Amino acid sequence: MKKLLLITVFSILFSLNSNAQSLNFGVKAGANFSTLRGDNLDVENRTGFHIGGLLELKIADKFSIQPELLYTELGAKNSQTNLKTSYISLPIMAKYYLFQGLSVSAGPQVSFLVDDELKLPDGTLVDPDIEDFDLGLNLGLGYNFNNGIFFQARYTLGIVAVQENPDIKNGAFQLSLGYQF
């Protein structure tokens, strides 16, 4: 299933490339402020990071598609525990430029779990048994300067449960700084 999804995504991206007016490569990195959402959860935000690359395929003057490949750290904490999850994420953002440089964006994100650990109060690390796959919806705002530097702010709303009973879903706010070539 995962291989079929990735093959489909890359096929779409390569077909868009043939119609694109321009193609820009870029890198980005930044901070994640993540938490877990669910019933009766007593958790706080956990700060992590993300880093990776992107393509921006300009389809029209005001519209582009921006697929990304990111390594990202999420999780949550409270006074007793600290949950850290690491993912390889593939967001595919549809961007609309409101005016020169300023864009709004939205799109799906698939993520594959790389590592997960839960740190207990005595320092012991245990496996929290987080699901290997996550699906989210991104909403964002960005600004691209003429010199290639850009800023982005994005919220990722987890759609599927990353742990059952109770249903727990990811949520993260990202701030990014990047450069397009």
N, C-alpha and C. Protein backbone atom coordinates (compact mmCIF):
# COMPACT_ATOMS: atom_id res chain seq x y z
N MET A 1 0.83 -1.19 0.00
CA MET A 1 0.00 0.00 0.00
C MET A 1 0.87 1.26 0.00
N LYS A 2 1.90 1.28 0.86
CA LYS A 2 2.76 2.45 0.95
C LYS A 2 3.54 2.65 -0.35
N LYS A 3 4.02 1.56 -0.94
CA LYS A 3 4.77 1.66 -2.20
C LYS A 3 3.87 2.19 -3.31
N LEU A 4 2.64 1.72 -3.36
CA LEU A 4 1.69 2.18 -4.38
C LEU A 4 1.42 3.67 -4.22
N LEU A 5 1.26 4.12 -2.97
CA LEU A 5 1.03 5.54 -2.70
C LEU A 5 2.21 6.39 -3.17
N LEU A 6 3.42 5.97 -2.85
CA LEU A 6 4.60 6.73 -3.26
C LEU A 6 4.77 6.75 -4.78
N ILE A 7 4.53 5.63 -5.44
CA ILE A 7 4.63 5.56 -6.90
C ILE A 7 3.60 6.51 -7.53
N THR A 8 2.39 6.52 -7.00
CA THR A 8 1.34 7.41 -7.51
C THR A 8 1.73 8.88 -7.35
N VAL A 9 2.23 9.22 -6.16
CA VAL A 9 2.64 10.61 -5.89
C VAL A 9 3.73 11.05 -6.85
N PHE A 10 4.78 10.23 -7.01
CA PHE A 10 5.87 10.61 -7.90
C PHE A 10 5.43 10.65 -9.36
N SER A 11 4.50 9.79 -9.77
CA SER A 11 3.98 9.85 -11.15
C SER A 11 3.25 11.16 -11.40
N ILE A 12 2.46 11.59 -10.42
CA ILE A 12 1.74 12.86 -10.55
C ILE A 12 2.73 14.01 -10.64
N LEU A 13 3.75 13.98 -9.80
CA LEU A 13 4.74 15.07 -9.80
C LEU A 13 5.49 15.15 -11.12
N PHE A 14 5.87 14.01 -11.68
CA PHE A 14 6.59 14.05 -12.95
C PHE A 14 5.69 14.50 -14.09
N SER A 15 4.39 14.16 -14.05
CA SER A 15 3.49 14.64 -15.10
C SER A 15 3.25 16.13 -14.96
N LEU A 16 3.20 16.64 -13.72
CA LEU A 16 3.05 18.10 -13.53
C LEU A 16 4.28 18.84 -14.05
N ASN A 17 5.44 18.23 -13.92
CA ASN A 17 6.68 18.85 -14.36
C ASN A 17 6.66 19.16 -15.85
N SER A 18 6.02 18.30 -16.62
CA SER A 18 5.99 18.53 -18.07
C SER A 18 5.14 19.75 -18.44
N ASN A 19 4.17 20.13 -17.59
CA ASN A 19 3.33 21.29 -17.86
C ASN A 19 3.76 22.53 -17.08
N ALA A 20 4.74 22.39 -16.24
CA ALA A 20 5.13 23.48 -15.34
C ALA A 20 5.81 24.62 -16.11
N GLN A 21 5.54 25.85 -15.66
CA GLN A 21 6.20 27.02 -16.23
C GLN A 21 7.61 27.16 -15.70
N SER A 22 7.84 26.77 -14.45
CA SER A 22 9.18 26.81 -13.87
C SER A 22 9.28 25.79 -12.77
N LEU A 23 10.50 25.40 -12.48
CA LEU A 23 10.77 24.40 -11.44
C LEU A 23 11.92 24.92 -10.59
N ASN A 24 11.67 25.04 -9.28
CA ASN A 24 12.70 25.49 -8.35
C ASN A 24 12.94 24.41 -7.30
N PHE A 25 14.21 24.14 -7.02
CA PHE A 25 14.59 23.23 -5.95
C PHE A 25 14.90 24.07 -4.72
N GLY A 26 14.72 23.48 -3.55
CA GLY A 26 15.01 24.23 -2.34
C GLY A 26 15.30 23.33 -1.16
N VAL A 27 15.81 23.93 -0.11
CA VAL A 27 16.03 23.27 1.17
C VAL A 27 15.36 24.10 2.24
N LYS A 28 14.97 23.44 3.33
CA LYS A 28 14.33 24.16 4.43
C LYS A 28 14.62 23.45 5.74
N ALA A 29 14.54 24.21 6.81
CA ALA A 29 14.71 23.67 8.15
C ALA A 29 13.96 24.58 9.11
N GLY A 30 13.65 24.05 10.28
CA GLY A 30 12.95 24.89 11.24
C GLY A 30 12.52 24.14 12.47
N ALA A 31 11.67 24.79 13.24
CA ALA A 31 11.20 24.28 14.52
C ALA A 31 9.79 23.73 14.40
N ASN A 32 9.54 22.66 15.15
CA ASN A 32 8.20 22.08 15.30
C ASN A 32 7.75 22.28 16.74
N PHE A 33 6.51 22.68 16.91
CA PHE A 33 5.89 22.76 18.23
C PHE A 33 4.70 21.81 18.16
N SER A 34 4.90 20.59 18.67
CA SER A 34 3.91 19.53 18.46
C SER A 34 3.25 19.12 19.76
N THR A 35 2.11 18.48 19.61
CA THR A 35 1.38 17.91 20.74
C THR A 35 0.57 16.73 20.23
N LEU A 36 -0.11 16.07 21.13
CA LEU A 36 -1.03 14.99 20.79
C LEU A 36 -2.43 15.43 21.14
N ARG A 37 -3.39 15.05 20.29
CA ARG A 37 -4.78 15.40 20.51
C ARG A 37 -5.56 14.12 20.79
N GLY A 38 -6.46 14.18 21.75
CA GLY A 38 -7.30 13.04 22.08
C GLY A 38 -8.06 13.31 23.36
N ASP A 39 -8.97 12.39 23.70
CA ASP A 39 -9.78 12.55 24.91
C ASP A 39 -8.93 12.38 26.16
N ASN A 40 -9.15 13.26 27.12
CA ASN A 40 -8.55 13.17 28.45
C ASN A 40 -7.02 13.11 28.44
N LEU A 41 -6.40 13.79 27.52
CA LEU A 41 -4.94 13.86 27.49
C LEU A 41 -4.46 15.07 28.27
N ASP A 42 -3.47 14.87 29.11
CA ASP A 42 -2.87 15.96 29.88
C ASP A 42 -1.43 16.11 29.40
N VAL A 43 -1.27 16.76 28.23
CA VAL A 43 0.07 16.90 27.64
C VAL A 43 0.33 18.34 27.24
N GLU A 44 1.61 18.65 27.12
CA GLU A 44 2.06 19.97 26.68
C GLU A 44 2.78 19.82 25.35
N ASN A 45 3.05 20.96 24.72
CA ASN A 45 3.83 20.96 23.48
C ASN A 45 5.24 20.45 23.72
N ARG A 46 5.75 19.81 22.69
CA ARG A 46 7.14 19.38 22.66
C ARG A 46 7.80 20.09 21.49
N THR A 47 8.99 20.63 21.69
CA THR A 47 9.70 21.32 20.62
C THR A 47 10.66 20.34 19.95
N GLY A 48 10.60 20.29 18.62
CA GLY A 48 11.49 19.46 17.83
C GLY A 48 11.96 20.26 16.62
N PHE A 49 12.39 19.57 15.59
CA PHE A 49 12.87 20.26 14.39
C PHE A 49 12.45 19.49 13.15
N HIS A 50 12.62 20.12 12.01
CA HIS A 50 12.45 19.47 10.71
C HIS A 50 13.52 19.99 9.77
N ILE A 51 13.88 19.15 8.80
CA ILE A 51 14.87 19.52 7.80
C ILE A 51 14.61 18.69 6.54
N GLY A 52 14.83 19.29 5.38
CA GLY A 52 14.61 18.53 4.16
C GLY A 52 14.68 19.38 2.91
N GLY A 53 14.15 18.81 1.83
CA GLY A 53 14.18 19.45 0.54
C GLY A 53 12.80 19.57 -0.06
N LEU A 54 12.70 20.38 -1.12
CA LEU A 54 11.42 20.61 -1.77
C LEU A 54 11.62 20.94 -3.24
N LEU A 55 10.54 20.82 -3.97
CA LEU A 55 10.43 21.28 -5.36
C LEU A 55 9.24 22.22 -5.41
N GLU A 56 9.36 23.31 -6.12
CA GLU A 56 8.18 24.14 -6.37
C GLU A 56 7.94 24.17 -7.86
N LEU A 57 6.81 23.60 -8.27
CA LEU A 57 6.44 23.53 -9.68
C LEU A 57 5.41 24.63 -9.95
N LYS A 58 5.83 25.66 -10.64
CA LYS A 58 4.94 26.78 -10.95
C LYS A 58 4.04 26.36 -12.10
N ILE A 59 2.73 26.28 -11.84
CA ILE A 59 1.76 25.84 -12.84
C ILE A 59 1.16 27.04 -13.58
N ALA A 60 0.93 28.12 -12.86
CA ALA A 60 0.39 29.36 -13.42
C ALA A 60 1.02 30.52 -12.66
N ASP A 61 0.70 31.75 -13.06
CA ASP A 61 1.30 32.92 -12.42
C ASP A 61 1.11 32.92 -10.91
N LYS A 62 -0.06 32.52 -10.43
CA LYS A 62 -0.35 32.59 -9.01
C LYS A 62 -0.49 31.23 -8.34
N PHE A 63 -0.22 30.14 -9.05
CA PHE A 63 -0.46 28.81 -8.49
C PHE A 63 0.75 27.89 -8.71
N SER A 64 1.11 27.15 -7.66
CA SER A 64 2.18 26.16 -7.78
C SER A 64 1.89 24.97 -6.88
N ILE A 65 2.59 23.89 -7.15
CA ILE A 65 2.54 22.68 -6.33
C ILE A 65 3.93 22.52 -5.71
N GLN A 66 3.96 22.25 -4.40
CA GLN A 66 5.24 22.14 -3.71
C GLN A 66 5.31 20.83 -2.91
N PRO A 67 5.86 19.77 -3.52
CA PRO A 67 6.11 18.55 -2.75
C PRO A 67 7.41 18.72 -1.95
N GLU A 68 7.43 18.11 -0.77
CA GLU A 68 8.60 18.19 0.10
C GLU A 68 8.94 16.80 0.62
N LEU A 69 10.18 16.61 1.01
CA LEU A 69 10.62 15.40 1.69
C LEU A 69 11.36 15.87 2.94
N LEU A 70 10.80 15.55 4.13
CA LEU A 70 11.31 16.10 5.38
C LEU A 70 11.59 15.01 6.41
N TYR A 71 12.61 15.23 7.21
CA TYR A 71 12.79 14.48 8.46
C TYR A 71 12.23 15.41 9.53
N THR A 72 11.32 14.90 10.35
CA THR A 72 10.66 15.77 11.33
C THR A 72 10.47 15.06 12.67
N GLU A 73 10.66 15.80 13.74
CA GLU A 73 10.47 15.29 15.10
C GLU A 73 9.19 15.88 15.69
N LEU A 74 8.36 15.00 16.22
CA LEU A 74 7.11 15.40 16.86
C LEU A 74 7.06 14.79 18.26
N GLY A 75 5.90 14.88 18.90
CA GLY A 75 5.70 14.26 20.20
C GLY A 75 4.96 15.18 21.14
N ALA A 76 5.04 14.85 22.43
CA ALA A 76 4.40 15.63 23.48
C ALA A 76 5.05 15.27 24.80
N LYS A 77 4.78 16.07 25.82
CA LYS A 77 5.35 15.77 27.14
C LYS A 77 4.37 16.23 28.21
N ASN A 78 4.60 15.72 29.41
CA ASN A 78 3.92 16.23 30.59
C ASN A 78 4.91 16.15 31.75
N SER A 79 4.45 16.34 32.95
CA SER A 79 5.38 16.36 34.10
C SER A 79 6.00 14.99 34.36
N GLN A 80 5.39 13.93 33.83
CA GLN A 80 5.87 12.57 34.10
C GLN A 80 6.63 11.93 32.94
N THR A 81 6.25 12.24 31.71
CA THR A 81 6.82 11.53 30.56
C THR A 81 7.17 12.50 29.43
N ASN A 82 7.97 12.00 28.49
CA ASN A 82 8.35 12.76 27.30
C ASN A 82 8.32 11.81 26.11
N LEU A 83 7.38 12.01 25.20
CA LEU A 83 7.25 11.18 24.00
C LEU A 83 7.91 11.88 22.83
N LYS A 84 8.84 11.18 22.18
CA LYS A 84 9.53 11.72 21.00
C LYS A 84 9.27 10.76 19.84
N THR A 85 8.74 11.29 18.74
CA THR A 85 8.55 10.50 17.53
C THR A 85 9.28 11.18 16.37
N SER A 86 9.88 10.38 15.52
CA SER A 86 10.59 10.90 14.35
C SER A 86 9.97 10.28 13.10
N TYR A 87 9.75 11.12 12.09
CA TYR A 87 9.09 10.69 10.86
C TYR A 87 9.87 11.14 9.63
N ILE A 88 9.69 10.41 8.55
CA ILE A 88 9.99 10.89 7.20
C ILE A 88 8.64 11.30 6.63
N SER A 89 8.49 12.57 6.31
CA SER A 89 7.20 13.12 5.88
C SER A 89 7.26 13.59 4.44
N LEU A 90 6.15 13.41 3.75
CA LEU A 90 6.00 13.85 2.36
C LEU A 90 4.75 14.72 2.26
N PRO A 91 4.88 16.03 2.52
CA PRO A 91 3.76 16.94 2.29
C PRO A 91 3.70 17.34 0.81
N ILE A 92 2.50 17.50 0.31
CA ILE A 92 2.30 18.00 -1.06
C ILE A 92 1.37 19.20 -0.95
N MET A 93 1.96 20.38 -1.10
CA MET A 93 1.24 21.62 -0.85
C MET A 93 0.80 22.27 -2.17
N ALA A 94 -0.45 22.69 -2.22
CA ALA A 94 -0.94 23.54 -3.30
C ALA A 94 -0.80 24.97 -2.80
N LYS A 95 -0.06 25.80 -3.54
CA LYS A 95 0.22 27.17 -3.12
C LYS A 95 -0.47 28.16 -4.05
N TYR A 96 -1.10 29.15 -3.43
CA TYR A 96 -1.71 30.24 -4.18
C TYR A 96 -1.07 31.53 -3.71
N TYR A 97 -0.50 32.28 -4.66
CA TYR A 97 0.15 33.55 -4.35
C TYR A 97 -0.88 34.68 -4.34
N LEU A 98 -1.07 35.29 -3.18
CA LEU A 98 -2.00 36.40 -3.03
C LEU A 98 -1.48 37.63 -3.75
N PHE A 99 -0.19 37.86 -3.62
CA PHE A 99 0.52 38.89 -4.37
C PHE A 99 1.99 38.51 -4.34
N GLN A 100 2.84 39.27 -5.00
CA GLN A 100 4.26 38.93 -5.15
C GLN A 100 4.89 38.49 -3.83
N GLY A 101 5.26 37.21 -3.76
CA GLY A 101 5.96 36.68 -2.60
C GLY A 101 5.10 36.04 -1.55
N LEU A 102 3.90 36.54 -1.28
CA LEU A 102 3.05 36.04 -0.20
C LEU A 102 2.11 34.95 -0.71
N SER A 103 2.15 33.78 -0.05
CA SER A 103 1.31 32.67 -0.49
C SER A 103 0.58 32.02 0.68
N VAL A 104 -0.56 31.43 0.37
CA VAL A 104 -1.27 30.54 1.27
C VAL A 104 -1.16 29.15 0.67
N SER A 105 -1.17 28.14 1.53
CA SER A 105 -0.99 26.78 1.01
C SER A 105 -1.82 25.79 1.82
N ALA A 106 -2.13 24.68 1.18
CA ALA A 106 -2.86 23.60 1.83
C ALA A 106 -2.53 22.31 1.10
N GLY A 107 -2.61 21.21 1.83
CA GLY A 107 -2.38 19.93 1.19
C GLY A 107 -2.20 18.79 2.17
N PRO A 108 -2.21 17.57 1.65
CA PRO A 108 -2.05 16.39 2.50
C PRO A 108 -0.58 16.14 2.84
N GLN A 109 -0.39 15.34 3.87
CA GLN A 109 0.97 14.93 4.26
C GLN A 109 0.91 13.48 4.71
N VAL A 110 1.74 12.64 4.11
CA VAL A 110 1.91 11.26 4.58
C VAL A 110 3.24 11.19 5.29
N SER A 111 3.26 10.46 6.40
CA SER A 111 4.48 10.35 7.20
C SER A 111 4.70 8.90 7.59
N PHE A 112 5.97 8.51 7.61
CA PHE A 112 6.36 7.15 7.97
C PHE A 112 7.25 7.22 9.19
N LEU A 113 6.88 6.49 10.24
CA LEU A 113 7.60 6.50 11.50
C LEU A 113 9.00 5.93 11.34
N VAL A 114 9.99 6.66 11.84
CA VAL A 114 11.38 6.22 11.84
C VAL A 114 11.76 5.71 13.23
N ASP A 115 11.33 6.43 14.27
CA ASP A 115 11.70 6.07 15.65
C ASP A 115 10.66 6.64 16.60
N ASP A 116 10.46 5.96 17.70
CA ASP A 116 9.59 6.46 18.76
C ASP A 116 10.13 6.00 20.11
N GLU A 117 10.08 6.89 21.09
CA GLU A 117 10.52 6.53 22.43
C GLU A 117 9.74 7.35 23.46
N LEU A 118 9.47 6.70 24.56
CA LEU A 118 8.78 7.34 25.67
C LEU A 118 9.71 7.29 26.87
N LYS A 119 10.07 8.47 27.39
CA LYS A 119 10.98 8.57 28.52
C LYS A 119 10.15 8.71 29.80
N LEU A 120 10.34 7.78 30.73
CA LEU A 120 9.63 7.78 32.00
C LEU A 120 10.36 8.64 33.02
N PRO A 121 9.72 8.97 34.16
CA PRO A 121 10.35 9.85 35.16
C PRO A 121 11.71 9.35 35.68
N ASP A 122 11.91 8.04 35.72
CA ASP A 122 13.19 7.50 36.22
C ASP A 122 14.26 7.44 35.13
N GLY A 123 13.94 7.95 33.92
CA GLY A 123 14.90 7.96 32.82
C GLY A 123 14.83 6.74 31.93
N THR A 124 14.01 5.78 32.27
CA THR A 124 13.85 4.57 31.47
C THR A 124 13.17 4.90 30.14
N LEU A 125 13.67 4.32 29.05
CA LEU A 125 13.07 4.50 27.73
C LEU A 125 12.25 3.26 27.40
N VAL A 126 11.01 3.45 26.97
CA VAL A 126 10.15 2.35 26.57
C VAL A 126 9.59 2.62 25.17
N ASP A 127 9.16 1.56 24.50
CA ASP A 127 8.56 1.67 23.17
C ASP A 127 7.07 1.97 23.33
N PRO A 128 6.59 3.14 22.88
CA PRO A 128 5.18 3.50 23.06
C PRO A 128 4.25 2.87 22.04
N ASP A 129 4.79 2.09 21.09
CA ASP A 129 3.97 1.39 20.10
C ASP A 129 3.12 2.34 19.26
N ILE A 130 3.77 3.33 18.67
CA ILE A 130 3.11 4.29 17.77
C ILE A 130 2.96 3.64 16.39
N GLU A 131 1.85 3.93 15.72
CA GLU A 131 1.61 3.40 14.38
C GLU A 131 2.71 3.84 13.41
N ASP A 132 3.00 2.99 12.42
CA ASP A 132 4.08 3.26 11.46
C ASP A 132 3.71 4.31 10.41
N PHE A 133 2.43 4.63 10.29
CA PHE A 133 1.94 5.52 9.24
C PHE A 133 1.10 6.62 9.85
N ASP A 134 1.26 7.84 9.36
CA ASP A 134 0.44 8.97 9.80
C ASP A 134 -0.01 9.74 8.57
N LEU A 135 -1.19 10.29 8.64
CA LEU A 135 -1.75 11.10 7.56
C LEU A 135 -2.24 12.40 8.17
N GLY A 136 -1.88 13.51 7.54
CA GLY A 136 -2.28 14.81 8.07
C GLY A 136 -2.72 15.76 6.98
N LEU A 137 -3.31 16.86 7.41
CA LEU A 137 -3.71 17.93 6.51
C LEU A 137 -2.98 19.19 6.93
N ASN A 138 -2.30 19.84 6.00
CA ASN A 138 -1.50 21.04 6.26
C ASN A 138 -2.20 22.29 5.77
N LEU A 139 -2.08 23.36 6.55
CA LEU A 139 -2.51 24.69 6.16
C LEU A 139 -1.37 25.64 6.48
N GLY A 140 -1.02 26.51 5.53
CA GLY A 140 0.15 27.35 5.79
C GLY A 140 0.11 28.70 5.12
N LEU A 141 1.12 29.48 5.48
CA LEU A 141 1.33 30.82 4.96
C LEU A 141 2.83 30.97 4.74
N GLY A 142 3.23 31.58 3.64
CA GLY A 142 4.65 31.73 3.36
C GLY A 142 4.97 33.02 2.64
N TYR A 143 6.26 33.36 2.69
CA TYR A 143 6.72 34.53 1.94
C TYR A 143 8.06 34.19 1.30
N ASN A 144 8.13 34.38 -0.03
CA ASN A 144 9.35 34.15 -0.80
C ASN A 144 9.96 35.49 -1.19
N PHE A 145 11.22 35.70 -0.81
CA PHE A 145 11.93 36.90 -1.23
C PHE A 145 12.54 36.68 -2.61
N ASN A 146 12.86 37.75 -3.32
CA ASN A 146 13.43 37.65 -4.67
C ASN A 146 14.80 36.98 -4.69
N ASN A 147 15.53 37.00 -3.57
CA ASN A 147 16.87 36.40 -3.52
C ASN A 147 16.85 34.90 -3.25
N GLY A 148 15.67 34.27 -3.15
CA GLY A 148 15.57 32.83 -2.95
C GLY A 148 15.27 32.41 -1.52
N ILE A 149 15.45 33.30 -0.57
CA ILE A 149 15.15 32.98 0.83
C ILE A 149 13.64 33.02 1.03
N PHE A 150 13.12 32.08 1.84
CA PHE A 150 11.69 32.09 2.13
C PHE A 150 11.44 31.71 3.59
N PHE A 151 10.28 32.16 4.09
CA PHE A 151 9.77 31.82 5.41
C PHE A 151 8.44 31.12 5.23
N GLN A 152 8.17 30.13 6.08
CA GLN A 152 6.87 29.47 6.05
C GLN A 152 6.40 29.20 7.47
N ALA A 153 5.10 29.30 7.67
CA ALA A 153 4.44 28.88 8.91
C ALA A 153 3.34 27.91 8.49
N ARG A 154 3.22 26.81 9.22
CA ARG A 154 2.29 25.76 8.81
C ARG A 154 1.74 25.04 10.03
N TYR A 155 0.47 24.65 9.95
CA TYR A 155 -0.10 23.78 10.97
C TYR A 155 -0.46 22.45 10.31
N THR A 156 -0.07 21.36 10.96
CA THR A 156 -0.41 20.02 10.49
C THR A 156 -1.41 19.41 11.46
N LEU A 157 -2.57 19.07 10.94
CA LEU A 157 -3.63 18.44 11.72
C LEU A 157 -3.63 16.94 11.40
N GLY A 158 -3.30 16.11 12.38
CA GLY A 158 -3.32 14.67 12.17
C GLY A 158 -4.74 14.18 11.92
N ILE A 159 -4.90 13.32 10.93
CA ILE A 159 -6.23 12.80 10.57
C ILE A 159 -6.44 11.39 11.11
N VAL A 160 -5.40 10.57 11.08
CA VAL A 160 -5.53 9.19 11.56
C VAL A 160 -4.89 9.05 12.93
N ALA A 161 -5.39 8.10 13.70
CA ALA A 161 -4.86 7.86 15.04
C ALA A 161 -3.47 7.24 14.94
N VAL A 162 -2.53 7.78 15.71
CA VAL A 162 -1.18 7.20 15.76
C VAL A 162 -1.07 6.19 16.90
N GLN A 163 -2.09 6.17 17.75
CA GLN A 163 -2.20 5.15 18.80
C GLN A 163 -3.68 4.98 19.12
N GLU A 164 -4.12 3.73 19.25
CA GLU A 164 -5.53 3.44 19.51
C GLU A 164 -5.77 3.31 21.01
N ASN A 165 -7.04 3.52 21.38
CA ASN A 165 -7.52 3.27 22.74
C ASN A 165 -6.70 3.97 23.80
N PRO A 166 -6.79 5.23 23.99
CA PRO A 166 -7.69 6.15 23.31
C PRO A 166 -7.10 6.60 21.97
N ASP A 167 -7.98 7.11 21.10
CA ASP A 167 -7.52 7.64 19.81
C ASP A 167 -6.67 8.87 20.06
N ILE A 168 -5.41 8.78 19.65
CA ILE A 168 -4.47 9.89 19.81
C ILE A 168 -3.98 10.28 18.42
N LYS A 169 -4.02 11.59 18.13
CA LYS A 169 -3.59 12.09 16.83
C LYS A 169 -2.55 13.18 17.01
N ASN A 170 -1.66 13.28 16.03
CA ASN A 170 -0.62 14.32 16.03
C ASN A 170 -1.21 15.68 15.67
N GLY A 171 -0.54 16.71 16.14
CA GLY A 171 -0.82 18.07 15.74
C GLY A 171 0.49 18.85 15.88
N ALA A 172 0.83 19.67 14.90
CA ALA A 172 2.12 20.38 14.97
C ALA A 172 2.05 21.71 14.25
N PHE A 173 2.69 22.69 14.84
CA PHE A 173 2.89 23.99 14.22
C PHE A 173 4.36 24.07 13.83
N GLN A 174 4.63 24.43 12.57
CA GLN A 174 6.00 24.50 12.06
C GLN A 174 6.35 25.93 11.64
N LEU A 175 7.56 26.33 11.96
CA LEU A 175 8.14 27.56 11.44
C LEU A 175 9.39 27.17 10.67
N SER A 176 9.49 27.61 9.42
CA SER A 176 10.59 27.19 8.55
C SER A 176 11.30 28.38 7.92
N LEU A 177 12.58 28.19 7.68
CA LEU A 177 13.40 29.10 6.91
C LEU A 177 14.04 28.26 5.83
N GLY A 178 14.04 28.77 4.60
CA GLY A 178 14.59 27.98 3.51
C GLY A 178 15.19 28.82 2.42
N TYR A 179 15.71 28.12 1.42
CA TYR A 179 16.33 28.77 0.27
C TYR A 179 15.98 27.98 -0.98
N GLN A 180 15.50 28.67 -2.02
CA GLN A 180 15.24 28.05 -3.32
C GLN A 180 16.31 28.45 -4.32
N PHE A 181 16.75 27.46 -5.10
CA PHE A 181 17.79 27.67 -6.11
C PHE A 181 17.18 28.07 -7.43
